[in-house]
Amino acid sequence: MSARRRFRGRIAGVGSTSGVRVVVGWWQESPFGGFADAMVERADGHRVLLAPSEEVADLVATTYTFDEVRIEPVEVFAGWADGDEWVRSWGPSSPSLSMALDVGARTGLGRLLRTVPPALATSPAFATLADPFARIALRGVRTRGVARAGRREYYGATDVRAVEGMTGSFDGVDLGALAPVDPPCRFGFSSTPRRPSVTEVTTTIVDTRA
């Protein structure tokens, strides 16, 4: 693969009253085609990656930090979409994780991001410029940083919607009700925002050792 890889899709980050925090990636375009994966941090801090294939698991597990990696089918079930083609009800389903998200209105940050031309918003240069502001405005959130295996990552967000409701289970145990992502997830240099949300994003991974 090339030294620079781009993934375009949506990232959902939610907390739960059980203490489990979940980050779901639903990728429409990537070097692996379309796929979904999930990162789960239990209340005791145990971090689990759910990946649909060996090659996805290898990339994600060598970029982020996990205590356990499970390779299993991860499907996304989508409900209705609004006029902006945003899916307002969706969630992942796998042997370990089942979750349904109710996606609400665009946030203030989302409205601001919509004013930025997509080609600019998704560029590594813009992510670099935005990083100091993201650190201040969103606790635990970074838009660029150094990951494992000598990789640099850039997150170019183009929209954000609030998550207003959630149901689900992990390893057969009910997750409880929707809650803030608190404490922040510890998979890598950046967490998702504390407020449960879905972000439309282009992630660029640059392997500096290639």
N, C-alpha and C. Protein backbone atom coordinates (compact mmCIF):
# COMPACT_ATOMS: atom_id res chain seq x y z
N MET A 1 0.83 -1.20 0.00
CA MET A 1 0.00 0.00 0.00
C MET A 1 0.87 1.25 0.00
N SER A 2 0.31 2.38 -0.42
CA SER A 2 1.05 3.62 -0.46
C SER A 2 1.29 4.14 0.95
N ALA A 3 2.18 5.10 1.05
CA ALA A 3 2.53 5.67 2.35
C ALA A 3 1.41 6.54 2.90
N ARG A 4 0.51 7.03 2.04
CA ARG A 4 -0.60 7.86 2.48
C ARG A 4 -1.91 7.15 2.19
N ARG A 5 -2.73 6.98 3.23
CA ARG A 5 -4.01 6.29 3.08
C ARG A 5 -5.13 7.19 3.61
N ARG A 6 -6.24 7.24 2.86
CA ARG A 6 -7.37 8.09 3.24
C ARG A 6 -8.62 7.25 3.45
N PHE A 7 -9.35 7.60 4.50
CA PHE A 7 -10.58 6.91 4.87
C PHE A 7 -11.68 7.98 4.99
N ARG A 8 -12.74 7.83 4.21
CA ARG A 8 -13.84 8.79 4.26
C ARG A 8 -15.09 8.10 4.79
N GLY A 9 -15.69 8.69 5.83
CA GLY A 9 -16.89 8.10 6.39
C GLY A 9 -17.37 8.86 7.60
N ARG A 10 -17.89 8.13 8.56
CA ARG A 10 -18.45 8.74 9.77
C ARG A 10 -17.94 8.01 11.00
N ILE A 11 -17.67 8.78 12.04
CA ILE A 11 -17.24 8.23 13.32
C ILE A 11 -18.27 8.62 14.37
N ALA A 12 -18.82 7.63 15.05
CA ALA A 12 -19.74 7.87 16.16
C ALA A 12 -19.02 7.58 17.46
N GLY A 13 -19.14 8.49 18.40
CA GLY A 13 -18.55 8.29 19.72
C GLY A 13 -19.61 8.49 20.78
N VAL A 14 -19.84 7.47 21.61
CA VAL A 14 -20.88 7.56 22.64
C VAL A 14 -20.38 6.95 23.94
N GLY A 15 -20.92 7.47 25.03
CA GLY A 15 -20.74 6.85 26.33
C GLY A 15 -22.05 6.22 26.77
N SER A 16 -22.01 5.50 27.87
CA SER A 16 -23.21 4.83 28.37
C SER A 16 -23.20 4.85 29.90
N THR A 17 -24.38 4.68 30.48
CA THR A 17 -24.47 4.67 31.94
C THR A 17 -23.83 3.44 32.56
N SER A 18 -23.51 2.44 31.75
CA SER A 18 -22.78 1.27 32.24
C SER A 18 -21.28 1.55 32.37
N GLY A 19 -20.84 2.69 31.84
CA GLY A 19 -19.42 3.04 31.85
C GLY A 19 -18.68 2.63 30.60
N VAL A 20 -19.32 1.87 29.73
CA VAL A 20 -18.70 1.46 28.46
C VAL A 20 -18.76 2.63 27.48
N ARG A 21 -17.62 2.91 26.84
CA ARG A 21 -17.57 3.92 25.77
C ARG A 21 -17.27 3.23 24.45
N VAL A 22 -17.94 3.68 23.39
CA VAL A 22 -17.83 3.02 22.09
C VAL A 22 -17.53 4.05 21.00
N VAL A 23 -16.60 3.72 20.13
CA VAL A 23 -16.31 4.52 18.95
C VAL A 23 -16.50 3.61 17.73
N VAL A 24 -17.40 4.00 16.84
CA VAL A 24 -17.71 3.21 15.65
C VAL A 24 -17.27 3.97 14.41
N GLY A 25 -16.51 3.31 13.56
CA GLY A 25 -16.16 3.87 12.26
C GLY A 25 -16.97 3.22 11.17
N TRP A 26 -17.65 4.02 10.37
CA TRP A 26 -18.45 3.53 9.25
C TRP A 26 -17.87 4.18 8.00
N TRP A 27 -17.05 3.41 7.27
CA TRP A 27 -16.23 3.97 6.21
C TRP A 27 -16.80 3.63 4.84
N GLN A 28 -17.14 4.66 4.08
CA GLN A 28 -17.67 4.47 2.73
C GLN A 28 -16.55 4.30 1.70
N GLU A 29 -15.41 4.97 1.93
CA GLU A 29 -14.28 4.88 1.01
C GLU A 29 -13.01 4.67 1.81
N SER A 30 -12.20 3.69 1.40
CA SER A 30 -10.95 3.39 2.08
C SER A 30 -10.11 2.48 1.19
N PRO A 31 -8.84 2.26 1.53
CA PRO A 31 -8.04 1.30 0.77
C PRO A 31 -8.59 -0.12 0.83
N PHE A 32 -9.48 -0.39 1.80
CA PHE A 32 -10.07 -1.72 1.96
C PHE A 32 -11.49 -1.77 1.42
N GLY A 33 -11.94 -0.72 0.75
CA GLY A 33 -13.33 -0.64 0.34
C GLY A 33 -14.18 -0.16 1.50
N GLY A 34 -15.49 -0.33 1.40
CA GLY A 34 -16.37 0.06 2.49
C GLY A 34 -16.36 -0.98 3.61
N PHE A 35 -16.32 -0.51 4.85
CA PHE A 35 -16.35 -1.43 6.00
C PHE A 35 -16.72 -0.65 7.26
N ALA A 36 -16.95 -1.38 8.33
CA ALA A 36 -17.18 -0.77 9.64
C ALA A 36 -16.31 -1.48 10.67
N ASP A 37 -15.89 -0.74 11.68
CA ASP A 37 -15.17 -1.33 12.80
C ASP A 37 -15.61 -0.61 14.08
N ALA A 38 -15.22 -1.15 15.21
CA ALA A 38 -15.63 -0.55 16.48
C ALA A 38 -14.51 -0.69 17.50
N MET A 39 -14.36 0.34 18.31
CA MET A 39 -13.44 0.33 19.44
C MET A 39 -14.27 0.48 20.71
N VAL A 40 -14.08 -0.41 21.64
CA VAL A 40 -14.87 -0.44 22.86
C VAL A 40 -13.94 -0.36 24.06
N GLU A 41 -14.23 0.58 24.95
CA GLU A 41 -13.49 0.63 26.22
C GLU A 41 -14.47 0.36 27.35
N ARG A 42 -14.25 -0.74 28.06
CA ARG A 42 -15.13 -1.11 29.16
C ARG A 42 -14.93 -0.17 30.35
N ALA A 43 -15.82 -0.26 31.32
CA ALA A 43 -15.73 0.58 32.50
C ALA A 43 -14.45 0.34 33.28
N ASP A 44 -13.89 -0.89 33.18
CA ASP A 44 -12.64 -1.19 33.89
C ASP A 44 -11.40 -0.80 33.10
N GLY A 45 -11.59 -0.16 31.93
CA GLY A 45 -10.47 0.30 31.13
C GLY A 45 -9.98 -0.67 30.08
N HIS A 46 -10.53 -1.87 30.01
CA HIS A 46 -10.13 -2.87 29.02
C HIS A 46 -10.58 -2.40 27.64
N ARG A 47 -9.64 -2.34 26.69
CA ARG A 47 -9.91 -1.80 25.36
C ARG A 47 -9.95 -2.91 24.32
N VAL A 48 -11.04 -2.95 23.55
CA VAL A 48 -11.28 -4.03 22.60
C VAL A 48 -11.49 -3.45 21.21
N LEU A 49 -10.81 -4.02 20.24
CA LEU A 49 -11.03 -3.69 18.83
C LEU A 49 -11.88 -4.77 18.19
N LEU A 50 -12.92 -4.36 17.49
CA LEU A 50 -13.74 -5.27 16.69
C LEU A 50 -13.48 -4.92 15.23
N ALA A 51 -12.86 -5.82 14.49
CA ALA A 51 -12.47 -5.55 13.10
C ALA A 51 -13.01 -6.65 12.20
N PRO A 52 -13.43 -6.30 10.97
CA PRO A 52 -14.06 -7.28 10.09
C PRO A 52 -13.10 -8.17 9.32
N SER A 53 -11.79 -7.86 9.36
CA SER A 53 -10.84 -8.67 8.61
C SER A 53 -9.45 -8.55 9.24
N GLU A 54 -8.58 -9.48 8.85
CA GLU A 54 -7.20 -9.46 9.35
C GLU A 54 -6.48 -8.19 8.92
N GLU A 55 -6.68 -7.76 7.66
CA GLU A 55 -5.95 -6.60 7.18
C GLU A 55 -6.41 -5.32 7.86
N VAL A 56 -7.70 -5.19 8.12
CA VAL A 56 -8.18 -4.02 8.87
C VAL A 56 -7.65 -4.07 10.30
N ALA A 57 -7.71 -5.25 10.92
CA ALA A 57 -7.22 -5.39 12.29
C ALA A 57 -5.74 -5.04 12.39
N ASP A 58 -4.97 -5.47 11.39
CA ASP A 58 -3.52 -5.21 11.42
C ASP A 58 -3.24 -3.71 11.36
N LEU A 59 -3.93 -2.98 10.49
CA LEU A 59 -3.70 -1.55 10.40
C LEU A 59 -4.15 -0.83 11.67
N VAL A 60 -5.37 -1.12 12.11
CA VAL A 60 -5.92 -0.39 13.26
C VAL A 60 -5.17 -0.72 14.55
N ALA A 61 -4.85 -2.00 14.75
CA ALA A 61 -4.19 -2.42 15.98
C ALA A 61 -2.73 -1.96 16.05
N THR A 62 -2.13 -1.65 14.89
CA THR A 62 -0.76 -1.14 14.92
C THR A 62 -0.73 0.39 14.89
N THR A 63 -1.92 1.00 14.78
CA THR A 63 -2.02 2.46 14.82
C THR A 63 -2.50 2.94 16.18
N TYR A 64 -3.44 2.18 16.77
CA TYR A 64 -4.00 2.51 18.08
C TYR A 64 -3.59 1.44 19.11
N THR A 65 -4.04 1.61 20.34
CA THR A 65 -3.65 0.70 21.42
C THR A 65 -4.87 -0.04 21.96
N PHE A 66 -4.77 -1.37 22.03
CA PHE A 66 -5.86 -2.21 22.52
C PHE A 66 -5.29 -3.29 23.43
N ASP A 67 -6.15 -3.77 24.31
CA ASP A 67 -5.81 -4.92 25.15
C ASP A 67 -6.26 -6.23 24.52
N GLU A 68 -7.19 -6.11 23.57
CA GLU A 68 -7.76 -7.31 22.93
C GLU A 68 -8.23 -6.96 21.53
N VAL A 69 -8.00 -7.85 20.58
CA VAL A 69 -8.45 -7.67 19.20
C VAL A 69 -9.34 -8.85 18.83
N ARG A 70 -10.52 -8.56 18.33
CA ARG A 70 -11.44 -9.60 17.88
C ARG A 70 -11.74 -9.37 16.40
N ILE A 71 -11.54 -10.41 15.60
CA ILE A 71 -11.87 -10.35 14.18
C ILE A 71 -13.22 -11.03 13.99
N GLU A 72 -14.20 -10.25 13.60
CA GLU A 72 -15.56 -10.75 13.47
C GLU A 72 -16.34 -9.85 12.52
N PRO A 73 -17.41 -10.34 11.92
CA PRO A 73 -18.20 -9.49 11.02
C PRO A 73 -18.76 -8.28 11.77
N VAL A 74 -18.61 -7.10 11.19
CA VAL A 74 -19.18 -5.88 11.75
C VAL A 74 -20.05 -5.25 10.66
N GLU A 75 -21.33 -5.33 10.84
CA GLU A 75 -22.28 -4.79 9.87
C GLU A 75 -22.88 -3.50 10.42
N VAL A 76 -23.38 -2.65 9.52
CA VAL A 76 -24.09 -1.45 9.92
C VAL A 76 -25.51 -1.53 9.39
N PHE A 77 -26.46 -1.36 10.29
CA PHE A 77 -27.87 -1.33 9.90
C PHE A 77 -28.34 0.11 9.94
N ALA A 78 -28.82 0.61 8.80
CA ALA A 78 -29.19 2.01 8.68
C ALA A 78 -30.69 2.16 8.51
N GLY A 79 -31.22 3.21 9.14
CA GLY A 79 -32.64 3.53 9.02
C GLY A 79 -32.86 4.64 8.02
N TRP A 80 -33.71 5.61 8.39
CA TRP A 80 -34.10 6.64 7.44
C TRP A 80 -33.07 7.77 7.39
N ALA A 81 -33.04 8.47 6.24
CA ALA A 81 -32.13 9.59 6.04
C ALA A 81 -32.94 10.87 5.86
N ASP A 82 -32.32 12.01 6.24
CA ASP A 82 -32.99 13.29 6.07
C ASP A 82 -32.62 13.91 4.73
N GLY A 83 -33.02 15.17 4.52
CA GLY A 83 -32.79 15.83 3.25
C GLY A 83 -31.32 16.05 2.94
N ASP A 84 -30.47 16.06 3.97
CA ASP A 84 -29.03 16.21 3.77
C ASP A 84 -28.34 14.87 3.57
N GLU A 85 -29.13 13.81 3.41
CA GLU A 85 -28.62 12.45 3.24
C GLU A 85 -27.90 11.94 4.48
N TRP A 86 -28.25 12.52 5.64
CA TRP A 86 -27.72 12.01 6.90
C TRP A 86 -28.61 10.88 7.38
N VAL A 87 -28.03 9.74 7.70
CA VAL A 87 -28.79 8.63 8.24
C VAL A 87 -29.08 8.93 9.70
N ARG A 88 -30.36 9.00 10.04
CA ARG A 88 -30.75 9.46 11.38
C ARG A 88 -30.91 8.33 12.38
N SER A 89 -30.86 7.11 11.92
CA SER A 89 -30.94 5.96 12.82
C SER A 89 -30.06 4.86 12.26
N TRP A 90 -28.98 4.53 12.99
CA TRP A 90 -28.08 3.50 12.50
C TRP A 90 -27.25 2.96 13.65
N GLY A 91 -26.54 1.89 13.38
CA GLY A 91 -25.69 1.32 14.41
C GLY A 91 -25.01 0.05 13.95
N PRO A 92 -23.97 -0.36 14.67
CA PRO A 92 -23.22 -1.56 14.32
C PRO A 92 -23.85 -2.82 14.91
N SER A 93 -23.60 -3.92 14.24
CA SER A 93 -24.03 -5.21 14.74
C SER A 93 -22.93 -6.22 14.47
N SER A 94 -22.49 -6.90 15.53
CA SER A 94 -21.47 -7.94 15.42
C SER A 94 -21.76 -8.98 16.49
N PRO A 95 -21.04 -10.11 16.49
CA PRO A 95 -21.26 -11.09 17.55
C PRO A 95 -21.03 -10.52 18.95
N SER A 96 -20.18 -9.49 19.08
CA SER A 96 -19.88 -8.92 20.40
C SER A 96 -20.71 -7.69 20.72
N LEU A 97 -21.03 -6.88 19.71
CA LEU A 97 -21.63 -5.56 19.94
C LEU A 97 -22.88 -5.39 19.10
N SER A 98 -23.92 -4.89 19.75
CA SER A 98 -25.14 -4.52 19.05
C SER A 98 -25.56 -3.16 19.58
N MET A 99 -25.77 -2.20 18.67
CA MET A 99 -26.06 -0.85 19.12
C MET A 99 -26.88 -0.11 18.10
N ALA A 100 -27.86 0.67 18.55
CA ALA A 100 -28.67 1.52 17.68
C ALA A 100 -28.54 2.95 18.17
N LEU A 101 -28.22 3.87 17.25
CA LEU A 101 -28.03 5.28 17.58
C LEU A 101 -29.14 6.11 16.95
N ASP A 102 -29.66 7.07 17.71
CA ASP A 102 -30.61 8.05 17.18
C ASP A 102 -29.85 9.35 16.98
N VAL A 103 -29.67 9.73 15.72
CA VAL A 103 -28.87 10.90 15.38
C VAL A 103 -29.79 12.11 15.21
N GLY A 104 -29.42 13.20 15.89
CA GLY A 104 -30.26 14.39 15.89
C GLY A 104 -29.74 15.51 15.03
N ALA A 105 -29.91 16.73 15.52
CA ALA A 105 -29.62 17.92 14.74
C ALA A 105 -28.12 18.18 14.61
N ARG A 106 -27.78 18.96 13.62
CA ARG A 106 -26.41 19.42 13.43
C ARG A 106 -26.03 20.32 14.61
N THR A 107 -24.83 20.14 15.13
CA THR A 107 -24.36 20.94 16.25
C THR A 107 -23.82 22.29 15.75
N GLY A 108 -23.51 23.19 16.71
CA GLY A 108 -22.92 24.46 16.33
C GLY A 108 -21.61 24.27 15.59
N LEU A 109 -20.80 23.31 16.05
CA LEU A 109 -19.56 23.01 15.36
C LEU A 109 -19.83 22.48 13.97
N GLY A 110 -20.85 21.66 13.84
CA GLY A 110 -21.21 21.13 12.53
C GLY A 110 -21.60 22.23 11.56
N ARG A 111 -22.36 23.21 12.05
CA ARG A 111 -22.75 24.33 11.17
C ARG A 111 -21.52 25.13 10.75
N LEU A 112 -20.58 25.30 11.67
CA LEU A 112 -19.35 26.02 11.33
C LEU A 112 -18.54 25.26 10.28
N LEU A 113 -18.42 23.95 10.46
CA LEU A 113 -17.65 23.14 9.52
C LEU A 113 -18.26 23.14 8.13
N ARG A 114 -19.57 23.28 8.04
CA ARG A 114 -20.24 23.27 6.74
C ARG A 114 -19.89 24.51 5.92
N THR A 115 -19.34 25.53 6.55
CA THR A 115 -18.96 26.73 5.81
C THR A 115 -17.57 26.60 5.18
N VAL A 116 -16.84 25.55 5.54
CA VAL A 116 -15.48 25.35 5.02
C VAL A 116 -15.56 24.46 3.78
N PRO A 117 -14.96 24.86 2.67
CA PRO A 117 -14.97 24.00 1.47
C PRO A 117 -14.41 22.62 1.81
N PRO A 118 -15.07 21.53 1.40
CA PRO A 118 -14.63 20.18 1.76
C PRO A 118 -13.18 19.87 1.41
N ALA A 119 -12.73 20.34 0.25
CA ALA A 119 -11.35 20.05 -0.15
C ALA A 119 -10.35 20.64 0.84
N LEU A 120 -10.70 21.80 1.41
CA LEU A 120 -9.84 22.43 2.41
C LEU A 120 -9.99 21.74 3.76
N ALA A 121 -11.24 21.47 4.17
CA ALA A 121 -11.51 20.91 5.50
C ALA A 121 -10.88 19.54 5.68
N THR A 122 -10.75 18.77 4.60
CA THR A 122 -10.23 17.41 4.71
C THR A 122 -8.73 17.32 4.45
N SER A 123 -8.07 18.44 4.27
CA SER A 123 -6.64 18.43 3.99
C SER A 123 -5.82 18.33 5.27
N PRO A 124 -4.68 17.64 5.24
CA PRO A 124 -3.80 17.60 6.41
C PRO A 124 -3.35 18.98 6.87
N ALA A 125 -3.18 19.92 5.94
CA ALA A 125 -2.76 21.27 6.32
C ALA A 125 -3.81 21.95 7.19
N PHE A 126 -5.08 21.79 6.84
CA PHE A 126 -6.15 22.40 7.63
C PHE A 126 -6.25 21.71 8.99
N ALA A 127 -6.09 20.39 9.02
CA ALA A 127 -6.11 19.67 10.30
C ALA A 127 -5.00 20.15 11.22
N THR A 128 -3.86 20.47 10.65
CA THR A 128 -2.74 20.98 11.44
C THR A 128 -3.07 22.35 12.02
N LEU A 129 -3.68 23.21 11.22
CA LEU A 129 -4.07 24.54 11.70
C LEU A 129 -5.17 24.47 12.74
N ALA A 130 -6.08 23.52 12.60
CA ALA A 130 -7.23 23.43 13.50
C ALA A 130 -6.89 22.78 14.84
N ASP A 131 -5.80 22.04 14.91
CA ASP A 131 -5.49 21.26 16.10
C ASP A 131 -5.43 22.08 17.39
N PRO A 132 -4.74 23.23 17.44
CA PRO A 132 -4.70 23.99 18.70
C PRO A 132 -6.08 24.43 19.19
N PHE A 133 -6.98 24.76 18.26
CA PHE A 133 -8.32 25.18 18.63
C PHE A 133 -9.15 24.00 19.11
N ALA A 134 -8.97 22.83 18.47
CA ALA A 134 -9.69 21.63 18.90
C ALA A 134 -9.30 21.24 20.32
N ARG A 135 -8.03 21.35 20.65
CA ARG A 135 -7.57 21.01 22.00
C ARG A 135 -8.25 21.85 23.06
N ILE A 136 -8.47 23.13 22.75
CA ILE A 136 -9.09 24.04 23.71
C ILE A 136 -10.60 23.84 23.78
N ALA A 137 -11.23 23.73 22.62
CA ALA A 137 -12.69 23.70 22.56
C ALA A 137 -13.28 22.34 22.93
N LEU A 138 -12.56 21.24 22.63
CA LEU A 138 -13.11 19.90 22.83
C LEU A 138 -12.10 19.06 23.62
N ARG A 139 -12.40 18.84 24.88
CA ARG A 139 -11.46 18.12 25.76
C ARG A 139 -11.13 16.75 25.20
N GLY A 140 -9.84 16.48 25.09
CA GLY A 140 -9.38 15.17 24.64
C GLY A 140 -9.32 15.00 23.14
N VAL A 141 -9.80 16.00 22.38
CA VAL A 141 -9.88 15.87 20.92
C VAL A 141 -8.66 16.50 20.27
N ARG A 142 -8.07 15.80 19.32
CA ARG A 142 -6.98 16.31 18.50
C ARG A 142 -7.35 16.09 17.05
N THR A 143 -6.88 16.97 16.17
CA THR A 143 -7.13 16.79 14.75
C THR A 143 -5.88 16.34 13.99
N ARG A 144 -4.77 16.26 14.70
CA ARG A 144 -3.56 15.68 14.11
C ARG A 144 -2.70 15.16 15.25
N GLY A 145 -1.82 14.20 14.93
CA GLY A 145 -0.94 13.67 15.95
C GLY A 145 -0.14 12.50 15.42
N VAL A 146 0.75 12.01 16.26
CA VAL A 146 1.58 10.87 15.93
C VAL A 146 1.00 9.63 16.58
N ALA A 147 0.70 8.64 15.77
CA ALA A 147 0.17 7.38 16.26
C ALA A 147 1.31 6.36 16.36
N ARG A 148 0.95 5.12 16.60
CA ARG A 148 1.96 4.07 16.69
C ARG A 148 2.53 3.74 15.31
N ALA A 149 3.61 2.96 15.30
CA ALA A 149 4.24 2.48 14.06
C ALA A 149 4.73 3.61 13.17
N GLY A 150 5.09 4.75 13.76
CA GLY A 150 5.62 5.85 12.98
C GLY A 150 4.62 6.50 12.06
N ARG A 151 3.35 6.46 12.40
CA ARG A 151 2.30 7.01 11.55
C ARG A 151 1.81 8.36 12.07
N ARG A 152 1.58 9.26 11.13
CA ARG A 152 0.93 10.53 11.46
C ARG A 152 -0.52 10.47 10.98
N GLU A 153 -1.42 11.01 11.80
CA GLU A 153 -2.84 10.99 11.46
C GLU A 153 -3.39 12.40 11.43
N TYR A 154 -4.30 12.60 10.48
CA TYR A 154 -4.97 13.89 10.34
C TYR A 154 -6.46 13.63 10.21
N TYR A 155 -7.25 14.33 11.03
CA TYR A 155 -8.70 14.18 10.99
C TYR A 155 -9.30 15.45 10.40
N GLY A 156 -9.94 15.31 9.23
CA GLY A 156 -10.58 16.44 8.58
C GLY A 156 -12.09 16.31 8.66
N ALA A 157 -12.70 16.99 9.64
CA ALA A 157 -14.15 16.89 9.86
C ALA A 157 -14.89 17.87 8.96
N THR A 158 -16.02 17.44 8.43
CA THR A 158 -16.84 18.30 7.58
C THR A 158 -18.25 18.50 8.12
N ASP A 159 -18.64 17.78 9.15
CA ASP A 159 -19.98 17.94 9.73
C ASP A 159 -20.02 17.19 11.06
N VAL A 160 -20.89 17.64 11.96
CA VAL A 160 -21.09 16.97 13.25
C VAL A 160 -22.57 17.00 13.59
N ARG A 161 -23.10 15.87 13.98
CA ARG A 161 -24.48 15.76 14.45
C ARG A 161 -24.49 15.18 15.87
N ALA A 162 -25.42 15.64 16.66
CA ALA A 162 -25.56 15.12 18.02
C ALA A 162 -26.22 13.75 18.00
N VAL A 163 -25.81 12.88 18.92
CA VAL A 163 -26.51 11.62 19.15
C VAL A 163 -27.46 11.84 20.31
N GLU A 164 -28.73 11.57 20.10
CA GLU A 164 -29.75 11.88 21.09
C GLU A 164 -30.24 10.67 21.86
N GLY A 165 -29.94 9.48 21.38
CA GLY A 165 -30.37 8.28 22.07
C GLY A 165 -29.55 7.08 21.63
N MET A 166 -29.51 6.07 22.50
CA MET A 166 -28.71 4.89 22.20
C MET A 166 -29.25 3.70 22.98
N THR A 167 -29.31 2.56 22.34
CA THR A 167 -29.58 1.30 23.01
C THR A 167 -28.57 0.28 22.51
N GLY A 168 -28.27 -0.72 23.32
CA GLY A 168 -27.34 -1.72 22.84
C GLY A 168 -26.80 -2.60 23.94
N SER A 169 -25.92 -3.51 23.52
CA SER A 169 -25.29 -4.43 24.47
C SER A 169 -23.90 -4.78 23.97
N PHE A 170 -23.03 -5.13 24.91
CA PHE A 170 -21.69 -5.59 24.58
C PHE A 170 -21.43 -6.87 25.37
N ASP A 171 -21.05 -7.92 24.65
CA ASP A 171 -20.85 -9.24 25.25
C ASP A 171 -22.08 -9.69 26.03
N GLY A 172 -23.26 -9.36 25.48
CA GLY A 172 -24.52 -9.79 26.07
C GLY A 172 -24.98 -8.98 27.26
N VAL A 173 -24.25 -7.94 27.63
CA VAL A 173 -24.61 -7.11 28.79
C VAL A 173 -25.13 -5.77 28.29
N ASP A 174 -26.29 -5.36 28.81
CA ASP A 174 -26.93 -4.13 28.38
C ASP A 174 -26.02 -2.92 28.67
N LEU A 175 -25.93 -2.00 27.71
CA LEU A 175 -25.09 -0.82 27.88
C LEU A 175 -25.72 0.24 28.74
N GLY A 176 -27.03 0.19 28.92
CA GLY A 176 -27.71 1.24 29.65
C GLY A 176 -28.06 2.39 28.72
N ALA A 177 -28.28 3.57 29.32
CA ALA A 177 -28.70 4.73 28.55
C ALA A 177 -27.49 5.52 28.04
N LEU A 178 -27.77 6.42 27.11
CA LEU A 178 -26.75 7.29 26.55
C LEU A 178 -26.15 8.17 27.64
N ALA A 179 -24.83 8.38 27.56
CA ALA A 179 -24.13 9.22 28.53
C ALA A 179 -22.94 9.89 27.84
N PRO A 180 -22.35 10.92 28.46
CA PRO A 180 -21.16 11.55 27.86
C PRO A 180 -20.01 10.55 27.74
N VAL A 181 -19.10 10.84 26.82
CA VAL A 181 -17.88 10.04 26.66
C VAL A 181 -16.90 10.52 27.72
N ASP A 182 -17.05 9.99 28.92
CA ASP A 182 -16.30 10.47 30.07
C ASP A 182 -16.03 9.32 31.03
N PRO A 183 -14.75 9.01 31.30
CA PRO A 183 -13.55 9.71 30.85
C PRO A 183 -13.30 9.51 29.36
N PRO A 184 -12.41 10.32 28.76
CA PRO A 184 -12.11 10.17 27.34
C PRO A 184 -11.57 8.77 27.03
N CYS A 185 -11.83 8.30 25.83
CA CYS A 185 -11.30 7.00 25.40
C CYS A 185 -9.78 7.05 25.29
N ARG A 186 -9.14 5.90 25.48
CA ARG A 186 -7.68 5.84 25.51
C ARG A 186 -7.12 4.92 24.42
N PHE A 187 -7.66 5.05 23.21
CA PHE A 187 -7.18 4.22 22.11
C PHE A 187 -5.96 4.81 21.42
N GLY A 188 -5.85 6.14 21.44
CA GLY A 188 -4.76 6.80 20.74
C GLY A 188 -4.56 8.19 21.25
N PHE A 189 -3.96 9.05 20.43
CA PHE A 189 -3.64 10.40 20.87
C PHE A 189 -4.88 11.29 20.98
N SER A 190 -6.01 10.86 20.37
CA SER A 190 -7.22 11.68 20.38
C SER A 190 -8.42 10.84 20.79
N SER A 191 -9.34 11.47 21.53
CA SER A 191 -10.62 10.84 21.85
C SER A 191 -11.69 11.46 20.97
N THR A 192 -12.90 10.94 21.05
CA THR A 192 -14.04 11.61 20.43
C THR A 192 -14.52 12.70 21.40
N PRO A 193 -15.35 13.65 20.93
CA PRO A 193 -15.86 14.68 21.84
C PRO A 193 -16.62 14.09 23.03
N ARG A 194 -16.63 14.81 24.14
CA ARG A 194 -17.35 14.36 25.33
C ARG A 194 -18.84 14.21 25.04
N ARG A 195 -19.40 15.14 24.27
CA ARG A 195 -20.81 15.05 23.90
C ARG A 195 -20.99 13.96 22.85
N PRO A 196 -21.87 13.00 23.07
CA PRO A 196 -22.08 11.94 22.07
C PRO A 196 -22.44 12.54 20.71
N SER A 197 -21.77 12.07 19.68
CA SER A 197 -21.96 12.70 18.38
C SER A 197 -21.52 11.78 17.26
N VAL A 198 -21.91 12.17 16.05
CA VAL A 198 -21.44 11.52 14.82
C VAL A 198 -20.74 12.58 13.98
N THR A 199 -19.52 12.30 13.60
CA THR A 199 -18.73 13.25 12.82
C THR A 199 -18.47 12.70 11.43
N GLU A 200 -18.77 13.51 10.42
CA GLU A 200 -18.40 13.15 9.06
C GLU A 200 -16.95 13.57 8.88
N VAL A 201 -16.10 12.64 8.47
CA VAL A 201 -14.67 12.90 8.54
C VAL A 201 -13.90 12.18 7.43
N THR A 202 -12.80 12.78 7.06
CA THR A 202 -11.80 12.11 6.22
C THR A 202 -10.53 11.98 7.06
N THR A 203 -10.12 10.76 7.29
CA THR A 203 -8.91 10.49 8.06
C THR A 203 -7.77 10.17 7.10
N THR A 204 -6.67 10.86 7.26
CA THR A 204 -5.48 10.62 6.44
C THR A 204 -4.39 10.03 7.33
N ILE A 205 -3.88 8.87 6.97
CA ILE A 205 -2.79 8.22 7.70
C ILE A 205 -1.55 8.25 6.83
N VAL A 206 -0.48 8.81 7.36
CA VAL A 206 0.77 8.92 6.63
C VAL A 206 1.82 8.08 7.37
N ASP A 207 2.35 7.08 6.68
CA ASP A 207 3.39 6.25 7.28
C ASP A 207 4.73 6.88 7.00
N THR A 208 5.31 7.48 8.03
CA THR A 208 6.58 8.19 7.85
C THR A 208 7.77 7.27 7.69
N ARG A 209 7.57 5.96 7.91
CA ARG A 209 8.67 5.00 7.76
C ARG A 209 8.69 4.36 6.38
N ALA A 210 7.66 4.68 5.57
CA ALA A 210 7.58 4.05 4.23
C ALA A 210 8.64 4.62 3.30
